[in-house]
Amino acid sequence: MLAKRIIPCLDVKDGRTVKGVNFVDLRDAGDPVELAWQYSRQGADELVFLDITATHERRKTTVELVKAVARQVNIPFTIGGGINELADADTLLHSGADKISINSAAVRNPALIDQLAMAFGIQFVVVAVDTRRVDGRNYVHLNGGRLTTDIQTEDWIKEAESRGAGEILLTSMDHDGTKNGFDCDFLMKINGELSIPLIASGGAGNKQHFVDVFRQSSVDAALAASVFHYGEILIPDLKGELRQHGIEVR
């Protein structure tokens, strides 16, 4: 069994790390490059950076961020936000990112997944999915969670895998920022249908929540933001707790 991964996530807006609750009410959480360096030293396995307000005008800013992070850390990191075509991904990967994450652009143009996987290899392609429960079913949401689609989350994840996604980053918008725990039941259901790694996101509030998500859903990695950014959980302590519960970590 592969060791489980702990992944801090840095949502970046205007060059700063921000964090909200249920995708709204954003507040500042610090300099992303400084945080990346701290997490690398603490023993994070990977990092994810999401430019949550990415536009073509800000592309240069994102490229400079990637270059700065690549100079500071020696662990893999993923960059997402505003990647709409092969050229965007090529620029970011050549600037130092290890993987790229696509979300809304993939839903609008599913063939983008095929193109990226063919151009760079599936190991470079993370498909991020923001999901929210509506009338008892989980639906894909776009544009940072602001736009509801009629696409059921399970169907979309299966299609993403079939097109060449190397990993799925699944964020429960209902749990995001609440610190009430991950959506373990839904994660377990999705993970049982996948043959590629699944990263759980949304809801981490304490170390037990990480124990629960790994035990109950067998996901490959767990991602969190505010509990790491504000020092509520230190990664060495978290890994120690997981080991005490018999969960293998790096």
C-alpha atoms as a PDB file:
ATOM      1  CA  MET A   1       0.000   0.000   0.000  1.00  0.00           C
ATOM      2  CA  LEU A   2       1.303   3.421  -0.918  1.00  0.00           C
ATOM      3  CA  ALA A   3       1.950   5.864   1.900  1.00  0.00           C
ATOM      4  CA  LYS A   4      -0.751   8.472   2.362  1.00  0.00           C
ATOM      5  CA  ARG A   5       0.056  12.058   1.402  1.00  0.00           C
ATOM      6  CA  ILE A   6      -0.594  15.275   3.316  1.00  0.00           C
ATOM      7  CA  ILE A   7      -1.068  18.269   1.012  1.00  0.00           C
ATOM      8  CA  PRO A   8      -1.444  21.890   2.099  1.00  0.00           C
ATOM      9  CA  CYS A   9      -3.501  23.914  -0.374  1.00  0.00           C
ATOM     10  CA  LEU A  10      -2.829  27.585  -1.011  1.00  0.00           C
ATOM     11  CA  ASP A  11      -5.636  29.532  -2.659  1.00  0.00           C
ATOM     12  CA  VAL A  12      -3.976  32.584  -4.201  1.00  0.00           C
ATOM     13  CA  LYS A  13      -5.687  35.882  -4.984  1.00  0.00           C
ATOM     14  CA  ASP A  14      -3.745  38.964  -6.065  1.00  0.00           C
ATOM     15  CA  GLY A  15      -0.492  37.338  -4.975  1.00  0.00           C
ATOM     16  CA  ARG A  16      -1.653  36.486  -1.445  1.00  0.00           C
ATOM     17  CA  THR A  17      -2.881  33.276   0.143  1.00  0.00           C
ATOM     18  CA  VAL A  18      -6.547  33.506   1.145  1.00  0.00           C
ATOM     19  CA  LYS A  19      -9.053  31.201   2.811  1.00  0.00           C
ATOM     20  CA  GLY A  20     -12.827  31.318   3.255  1.00  0.00           C
ATOM     21  CA  VAL A  21     -15.789  29.209   4.344  1.00  0.00           C
ATOM     22  CA  ASN A  22     -17.902  27.425   1.732  1.00  0.00           C
ATOM     23  CA  PHE A  23     -15.863  29.291  -0.924  1.00  0.00           C
ATOM     24  CA  VAL A  24     -16.820  32.785   0.332  1.00  0.00           C
ATOM     25  CA  ASP A  25     -15.751  35.339   2.996  1.00  0.00           C
ATOM     26  CA  LEU A  26     -12.077  35.199   2.043  1.00  0.00           C
ATOM     27  CA  ARG A  27      -9.437  36.402   4.491  1.00  0.00           C
ATOM     28  CA  ASP A  28      -5.687  36.800   4.152  1.00  0.00           C
ATOM     29  CA  ALA A  29      -3.497  33.873   5.188  1.00  0.00           C
ATOM     30  CA  GLY A  30      -0.026  35.050   4.219  1.00  0.00           C
ATOM     31  CA  ASP A  31       2.601  35.070   1.503  1.00  0.00           C
ATOM     32  CA  PRO A  32       2.321  31.908  -0.644  1.00  0.00           C
ATOM     33  CA  VAL A  33       6.047  31.527  -1.245  1.00  0.00           C
ATOM     34  CA  GLU A  34       6.850  31.885   2.472  1.00  0.00           C
ATOM     35  CA  LEU A  35       4.122  29.391   3.371  1.00  0.00           C
ATOM     36  CA  ALA A  36       5.391  26.959   0.732  1.00  0.00           C
ATOM     37  CA  TRP A  37       8.878  27.096   2.227  1.00  0.00           C
ATOM     38  CA  GLN A  38       7.500  26.481   5.732  1.00  0.00           C
ATOM     39  CA  TYR A  39       5.417  23.501   4.599  1.00  0.00           C
ATOM     40  CA  SER A  40       8.345  22.002   2.738  1.00  0.00           C
ATOM     41  CA  ARG A  41      10.423  22.171   5.918  1.00  0.00           C
ATOM     42  CA  GLN A  42       7.589  20.757   8.039  1.00  0.00           C
ATOM     43  CA  GLY A  43       7.368  17.615   5.927  1.00  0.00           C
ATOM     44  CA  ALA A  44       4.420  18.230   3.606  1.00  0.00           C
ATOM     45  CA  ASP A  45       4.406  15.668   0.809  1.00  0.00           C
ATOM     46  CA  GLU A  46       3.132  17.995  -1.898  1.00  0.00           C
ATOM     47  CA  LEU A  47       1.616  21.445  -2.322  1.00  0.00           C
ATOM     48  CA  VAL A  48      -1.308  22.705  -4.384  1.00  0.00           C
ATOM     49  CA  PHE A  49      -1.607  26.326  -5.508  1.00  0.00           C
ATOM     50  CA  LEU A  50      -4.923  27.487  -6.945  1.00  0.00           C
ATOM     51  CA  ASP A  51      -5.153  30.934  -8.503  1.00  0.00           C
ATOM     52  CA  ILE A  52      -8.804  31.413  -7.631  1.00  0.00           C
ATOM     53  CA  THR A  53      -9.314  34.549  -9.713  1.00  0.00           C
ATOM     54  CA  ALA A  54      -7.028  33.640 -12.599  1.00  0.00           C
ATOM     55  CA  THR A  55      -7.356  35.573 -15.840  1.00  0.00           C
ATOM     56  CA  HIS A  56      -5.055  35.921 -18.806  1.00  0.00           C
ATOM     57  CA  GLU A  57      -4.003  39.325 -17.482  1.00  0.00           C
ATOM     58  CA  ARG A  58      -2.710  37.690 -14.319  1.00  0.00           C
ATOM     59  CA  ARG A  59      -0.935  34.844 -16.102  1.00  0.00           C
ATOM     60  CA  LYS A  60       2.426  36.577 -15.758  1.00  0.00           C
ATOM     61  CA  THR A  61       1.895  36.884 -12.008  1.00  0.00           C
ATOM     62  CA  THR A  62       1.154  33.170 -11.768  1.00  0.00           C
ATOM     63  CA  VAL A  63       4.264  32.272 -13.757  1.00  0.00           C
ATOM     64  CA  GLU A  64       6.404  34.386 -11.444  1.00  0.00           C
ATOM     65  CA  LEU A  65       4.806  32.680  -8.434  1.00  0.00           C
ATOM     66  CA  VAL A  66       5.614  29.239  -9.880  1.00  0.00           C
ATOM     67  CA  LYS A  67       9.226  30.228 -10.482  1.00  0.00           C
ATOM     68  CA  ALA A  68       9.568  31.615  -6.959  1.00  0.00           C
ATOM     69  CA  VAL A  69       8.076  28.494  -5.373  1.00  0.00           C
ATOM     70  CA  ALA A  70      10.275  26.208  -7.482  1.00  0.00           C
ATOM     71  CA  ARG A  71      13.333  28.029  -6.144  1.00  0.00           C
ATOM     72  CA  GLN A  72      12.210  27.609  -2.529  1.00  0.00           C
ATOM     73  CA  VAL A  73      10.842  24.064  -2.220  1.00  0.00           C
ATOM     74  CA  ASN A  74      12.069  20.569  -3.005  1.00  0.00           C
ATOM     75  CA  ILE A  75       8.708  18.791  -2.940  1.00  0.00           C
ATOM     76  CA  PRO A  76       6.262  18.386  -5.843  1.00  0.00           C
ATOM     77  CA  PHE A  77       3.682  21.088  -6.353  1.00  0.00           C
ATOM     78  CA  THR A  78       0.598  21.507  -8.500  1.00  0.00           C
ATOM     79  CA  ILE A  79      -0.637  24.771  -9.973  1.00  0.00           C
ATOM     80  CA  GLY A  80      -4.185  25.454 -11.091  1.00  0.00           C
ATOM     81  CA  GLY A  81      -6.353  28.332 -12.192  1.00  0.00           C
ATOM     82  CA  GLY A  82      -6.849  29.850 -15.625  1.00  0.00           C
ATOM     83  CA  ILE A  83      -5.408  26.913 -17.573  1.00  0.00           C
ATOM     84  CA  ASN A  84      -7.497  26.800 -20.733  1.00  0.00           C
ATOM     85  CA  GLU A  85      -5.159  25.381 -23.359  1.00  0.00           C
ATOM     86  CA  LEU A  86      -1.950  23.422 -23.848  1.00  0.00           C
ATOM     87  CA  ALA A  87       0.165  26.564 -24.035  1.00  0.00           C
ATOM     88  CA  ASP A  88      -0.933  27.621 -20.521  1.00  0.00           C
ATOM     89  CA  ALA A  89       0.057  24.261 -19.065  1.00  0.00           C
ATOM     90  CA  ASP A  90       3.321  24.172 -21.009  1.00  0.00           C
ATOM     91  CA  THR A  91       4.334  27.572 -19.633  1.00  0.00           C
ATOM     92  CA  LEU A  92       3.615  26.606 -16.025  1.00  0.00           C
ATOM     93  CA  LEU A  93       5.313  23.210 -16.230  1.00  0.00           C
ATOM     94  CA  HIS A  94       8.406  24.758 -17.796  1.00  0.00           C
ATOM     95  CA  SER A  95       8.402  27.414 -15.056  1.00  0.00           C
ATOM     96  CA  GLY A  96       8.829  24.696 -12.427  1.00  0.00           C
ATOM     97  CA  ALA A  97       5.408  23.233 -11.569  1.00  0.00           C
ATOM     98  CA  ASP A  98       5.302  19.446 -11.281  1.00  0.00           C
ATOM     99  CA  LYS A  99       1.618  19.060 -12.166  1.00  0.00           C
ATOM    100  CA  ILE A 100      -1.197  21.226 -13.428  1.00  0.00           C
ATOM    101  CA  SER A 101      -4.771  21.248 -12.162  1.00  0.00           C
ATOM    102  CA  ILE A 102      -7.777  21.969 -14.344  1.00  0.00           C
ATOM    103  CA  ASN A 103     -11.360  22.437 -13.217  1.00  0.00           C
ATOM    104  CA  SER A 104     -13.895  24.641 -15.014  1.00  0.00           C
ATOM    105  CA  ALA A 105     -12.000  24.589 -18.312  1.00  0.00           C
ATOM    106  CA  ALA A 106     -12.138  20.787 -18.384  1.00  0.00           C
ATOM    107  CA  VAL A 107     -15.895  20.706 -17.835  1.00  0.00           C
ATOM    108  CA  ARG A 108     -16.440  23.245 -20.615  1.00  0.00           C
ATOM    109  CA  ASN A 109     -14.016  21.453 -22.945  1.00  0.00           C
ATOM    110  CA  PRO A 110     -13.540  17.826 -21.824  1.00  0.00           C
ATOM    111  CA  ALA A 111     -11.171  17.166 -24.727  1.00  0.00           C
ATOM    112  CA  LEU A 112      -8.655  19.378 -22.912  1.00  0.00           C
ATOM    113  CA  ILE A 113      -7.996  16.468 -20.540  1.00  0.00           C
ATOM    114  CA  ASP A 114      -7.162  14.181 -23.475  1.00  0.00           C
ATOM    115  CA  GLN A 115      -4.908  16.834 -25.001  1.00  0.00           C
ATOM    116  CA  LEU A 116      -2.993  17.485 -21.780  1.00  0.00           C
ATOM    117  CA  ALA A 117      -2.574  13.782 -21.014  1.00  0.00           C
ATOM    118  CA  MET A 118      -1.306  13.128 -24.528  1.00  0.00           C
ATOM    119  CA  ALA A 119       1.057  16.097 -24.516  1.00  0.00           C
ATOM    120  CA  PHE A 120       2.543  15.758 -21.043  1.00  0.00           C
ATOM    121  CA  GLY A 121       1.509  12.342 -19.639  1.00  0.00           C
ATOM    122  CA  ILE A 122      -1.331  11.520 -17.262  1.00  0.00           C
ATOM    123  CA  GLN A 123       0.938  11.897 -14.221  1.00  0.00           C
ATOM    124  CA  PHE A 124       0.990  15.655 -14.854  1.00  0.00           C
ATOM    125  CA  VAL A 125      -2.787  16.102 -15.084  1.00  0.00           C
ATOM    126  CA  VAL A 126      -4.913  16.670 -11.969  1.00  0.00           C
ATOM    127  CA  VAL A 127      -8.631  17.228 -12.508  1.00  0.00           C
ATOM    128  CA  ALA A 128     -10.108  19.250  -9.656  1.00  0.00           C
ATOM    129  CA  VAL A 129     -13.822  18.860  -9.002  1.00  0.00           C
ATOM    130  CA  ASP A 130     -15.890  21.152  -6.784  1.00  0.00           C
ATOM    131  CA  THR A 131     -19.023  19.335  -5.691  1.00  0.00           C
ATOM    132  CA  ARG A 132     -22.105  20.373  -3.763  1.00  0.00           C
ATOM    133  CA  ARG A 133     -25.189  18.390  -2.772  1.00  0.00           C
ATOM    134  CA  VAL A 134     -28.420  19.629  -4.372  1.00  0.00           C
ATOM    135  CA  ASP A 135     -31.690  17.795  -3.667  1.00  0.00           C
ATOM    136  CA  GLY A 136     -29.819  14.749  -2.430  1.00  0.00           C
ATOM    137  CA  ARG A 137     -27.392  14.461  -5.357  1.00  0.00           C
ATOM    138  CA  ASN A 138     -23.878  15.780  -5.860  1.00  0.00           C
ATOM    139  CA  TYR A 139     -23.401  18.179  -8.763  1.00  0.00           C
ATOM    140  CA  VAL A 140     -20.299  19.742 -10.300  1.00  0.00           C
ATOM    141  CA  HIS A 141     -19.847  23.480  -9.672  1.00  0.00           C
ATOM    142  CA  LEU A 142     -17.697  25.837 -11.728  1.00  0.00           C
ATOM    143  CA  ASN A 143     -16.044  29.256 -11.486  1.00  0.00           C
ATOM    144  CA  GLY A 144     -14.796  28.805  -7.943  1.00  0.00           C
ATOM    145  CA  GLY A 145     -18.094  27.232  -6.918  1.00  0.00           C
ATOM    146  CA  ARG A 146     -20.229  30.127  -8.131  1.00  0.00           C
ATOM    147  CA  LEU A 147     -21.915  28.316 -11.035  1.00  0.00           C
ATOM    148  CA  THR A 148     -24.065  25.196 -10.596  1.00  0.00           C
ATOM    149  CA  THR A 149     -24.146  22.701 -13.463  1.00  0.00           C
ATOM    150  CA  ASP A 150     -26.523  19.841 -14.201  1.00  0.00           C
ATOM    151  CA  ILE A 151     -23.596  17.412 -14.352  1.00  0.00           C
ATOM    152  CA  GLN A 152     -23.607  14.781 -11.633  1.00  0.00           C
ATOM    153  CA  THR A 153     -20.244  14.576  -9.915  1.00  0.00           C
ATOM    154  CA  GLU A 154     -19.848  10.807 -10.194  1.00  0.00           C
ATOM    155  CA  ASP A 155     -20.475  10.867 -13.938  1.00  0.00           C
ATOM    156  CA  TRP A 156     -17.977  13.653 -14.509  1.00  0.00           C
ATOM    157  CA  ILE A 157     -15.226  12.013 -12.449  1.00  0.00           C
ATOM    158  CA  LYS A 158     -15.596   8.762 -14.383  1.00  0.00           C
ATOM    159  CA  GLU A 159     -15.351  10.660 -17.663  1.00  0.00           C
ATOM    160  CA  ALA A 160     -12.316  12.609 -16.459  1.00  0.00           C
ATOM    161  CA  GLU A 161     -10.533   9.366 -15.600  1.00  0.00           C
ATOM    162  CA  SER A 162     -11.415   7.821 -18.949  1.00  0.00           C
ATOM    163  CA  ARG A 163     -10.000  10.852 -20.765  1.00  0.00           C
ATOM    164  CA  GLY A 164      -6.627  10.687 -19.039  1.00  0.00           C
ATOM    165  CA  ALA A 165      -6.783  12.398 -15.648  1.00  0.00           C
ATOM    166  CA  GLY A 166      -3.930  11.159 -13.479  1.00  0.00           C
ATOM    167  CA  GLU A 167      -5.513  12.226 -10.202  1.00  0.00           C
ATOM    168  CA  ILE A 168      -8.816  13.620  -8.965  1.00  0.00           C
ATOM    169  CA  LEU A 169      -8.885  16.424  -6.398  1.00  0.00           C
ATOM    170  CA  LEU A 170     -12.405  16.334  -4.987  1.00  0.00           C
ATOM    171  CA  THR A 171     -13.556  19.276  -2.863  1.00  0.00           C
ATOM    172  CA  SER A 172     -16.830  19.116  -0.970  1.00  0.00           C
ATOM    173  CA  MET A 173     -18.171  22.667  -0.995  1.00  0.00           C
ATOM    174  CA  ASP A 174     -20.638  21.758   1.763  1.00  0.00           C
ATOM    175  CA  HIS A 175     -17.719  20.876   4.036  1.00  0.00           C
ATOM    176  CA  ASP A 176     -15.146  23.424   2.820  1.00  0.00           C
ATOM    177  CA  GLY A 177     -13.858  25.665   5.607  1.00  0.00           C
ATOM    178  CA  THR A 178     -16.342  24.330   8.154  1.00  0.00           C
ATOM    179  CA  LYS A 179     -13.734  22.264  10.052  1.00  0.00           C
ATOM    180  CA  ASN A 180     -16.411  19.630  10.688  1.00  0.00           C
ATOM    181  CA  GLY A 181     -14.613  16.811   8.892  1.00  0.00           C
ATOM    182  CA  PHE A 182     -14.316  15.460   5.365  1.00  0.00           C
ATOM    183  CA  ASP A 183     -17.279  14.054   3.415  1.00  0.00           C
ATOM    184  CA  CYS A 184     -16.073  10.506   4.080  1.00  0.00           C
ATOM    185  CA  ASP A 185     -19.172   8.697   2.784  1.00  0.00           C
ATOM    186  CA  PHE A 186     -19.126  10.366  -0.614  1.00  0.00           C
ATOM    187  CA  LEU A 187     -15.336  10.085  -0.866  1.00  0.00           C
ATOM    188  CA  MET A 188     -15.555   6.372  -0.132  1.00  0.00           C
ATOM    189  CA  LYS A 189     -18.184   5.943  -2.849  1.00  0.00           C
ATOM    190  CA  ILE A 190     -16.128   7.820  -5.439  1.00  0.00           C
ATOM    191  CA  ASN A 191     -12.871   6.113  -4.472  1.00  0.00           C
ATOM    192  CA  GLY A 192     -14.473   2.718  -4.937  1.00  0.00           C
ATOM    193  CA  GLU A 193     -15.159   3.597  -8.577  1.00  0.00           C
ATOM    194  CA  LEU A 194     -11.696   4.964  -9.409  1.00  0.00           C
ATOM    195  CA  SER A 195      -8.427   3.324 -10.367  1.00  0.00           C
ATOM    196  CA  ILE A 196      -6.439   6.588 -10.124  1.00  0.00           C
ATOM    197  CA  PRO A 197      -5.511   8.438  -6.921  1.00  0.00           C
ATOM    198  CA  LEU A 198      -8.176  10.483  -5.143  1.00  0.00           C
ATOM    199  CA  ILE A 199      -7.306  13.554  -3.065  1.00  0.00           C
ATOM    200  CA  ALA A 200      -9.849  14.512  -0.401  1.00  0.00           C
ATOM    201  CA  SER A 201     -10.509  18.209   0.186  1.00  0.00           C
ATOM    202  CA  GLY A 202     -12.932  20.198   2.297  1.00  0.00           C
ATOM    203  CA  GLY A 203     -13.664  20.058   6.002  1.00  0.00           C
ATOM    204  CA  ALA A 204     -10.432  19.320   7.878  1.00  0.00           C
ATOM    205  CA  GLY A 205     -10.610  20.750  11.394  1.00  0.00           C
ATOM    206  CA  ASN A 206      -8.463  18.492  13.552  1.00  0.00           C
ATOM    207  CA  LYS A 207      -6.093  15.541  13.361  1.00  0.00           C
ATOM    208  CA  GLN A 208      -8.869  13.012  13.916  1.00  0.00           C
ATOM    209  CA  HIS A 209     -10.555  14.165  10.719  1.00  0.00           C
ATOM    210  CA  PHE A 210      -7.474  13.038   8.770  1.00  0.00           C
ATOM    211  CA  VAL A 211      -7.491   9.680  10.571  1.00  0.00           C
ATOM    212  CA  ASP A 212     -11.175   9.290   9.706  1.00  0.00           C
ATOM    213  CA  VAL A 213     -10.849  10.127   6.021  1.00  0.00           C
ATOM    214  CA  PHE A 214      -7.966   7.727   5.458  1.00  0.00           C
ATOM    215  CA  ARG A 215      -9.616   4.918   7.416  1.00  0.00           C
ATOM    216  CA  GLN A 216     -13.151   5.337   6.121  1.00  0.00           C
ATOM    217  CA  SER A 217     -12.601   6.246   2.484  1.00  0.00           C
ATOM    218  CA  SER A 218      -9.062   4.952   1.787  1.00  0.00           C
ATOM    219  CA  VAL A 219      -8.246   8.072  -0.226  1.00  0.00           C
ATOM    220  CA  ASP A 220      -4.652   8.463  -1.375  1.00  0.00           C
ATOM    221  CA  ALA A 221      -4.139  11.963  -0.014  1.00  0.00           C
ATOM    222  CA  ALA A 222      -5.837  14.577   2.157  1.00  0.00           C
ATOM    223  CA  LEU A 223      -5.654  18.266   1.435  1.00  0.00           C
ATOM    224  CA  ALA A 224      -6.325  21.149   3.804  1.00  0.00           C
ATOM    225  CA  ALA A 225      -5.743  24.877   4.025  1.00  0.00           C
ATOM    226  CA  SER A 226      -6.738  26.976   7.028  1.00  0.00           C
ATOM    227  CA  VAL A 227      -5.767  24.467   9.730  1.00  0.00           C
ATOM    228  CA  PHE A 228      -2.237  24.552   8.315  1.00  0.00           C
ATOM    229  CA  HIS A 229      -2.098  28.262   7.405  1.00  0.00           C
ATOM    230  CA  TYR A 230      -3.104  29.430  10.879  1.00  0.00           C
ATOM    231  CA  GLY A 231      -0.982  26.878  12.752  1.00  0.00           C
ATOM    232  CA  GLU A 232      -3.883  24.899  14.196  1.00  0.00           C
ATOM    233  CA  ILE A 233      -2.297  21.654  13.000  1.00  0.00           C
ATOM    234  CA  LEU A 234       1.429  21.172  12.464  1.00  0.00           C
ATOM    235  CA  ILE A 235       2.300  18.602   9.825  1.00  0.00           C
ATOM    236  CA  PRO A 236       4.861  16.671  11.955  1.00  0.00           C
ATOM    237  CA  ASP A 237       2.239  16.317  14.714  1.00  0.00           C
ATOM    238  CA  LEU A 238      -0.367  15.188  12.198  1.00  0.00           C
ATOM    239  CA  LYS A 239       1.917  12.554  10.708  1.00  0.00           C
ATOM    240  CA  GLY A 240       2.760  11.317  14.182  1.00  0.00           C
ATOM    241  CA  GLU A 241      -0.946  10.957  14.967  1.00  0.00           C
ATOM    242  CA  LEU A 242      -1.576   9.059  11.746  1.00  0.00           C
ATOM    243  CA  ARG A 243       1.292   6.666  12.460  1.00  0.00           C
ATOM    244  CA  GLN A 244      -0.122   5.991  15.929  1.00  0.00           C
ATOM    245  CA  HIS A 245      -3.331   4.888  14.217  1.00  0.00           C
ATOM    246  CA  GLY A 246      -1.451   2.534  11.899  1.00  0.00           C
ATOM    247  CA  ILE A 247      -1.758   4.758   8.835  1.00  0.00           C
ATOM    248  CA  GLU A 248       1.388   4.755   6.740  1.00  0.00           C
ATOM    249  CA  VAL A 249       2.690   8.213   5.824  1.00  0.00           C
ATOM    250  CA  ARG A 250       5.873   9.401   4.199  1.00  0.00           C
END
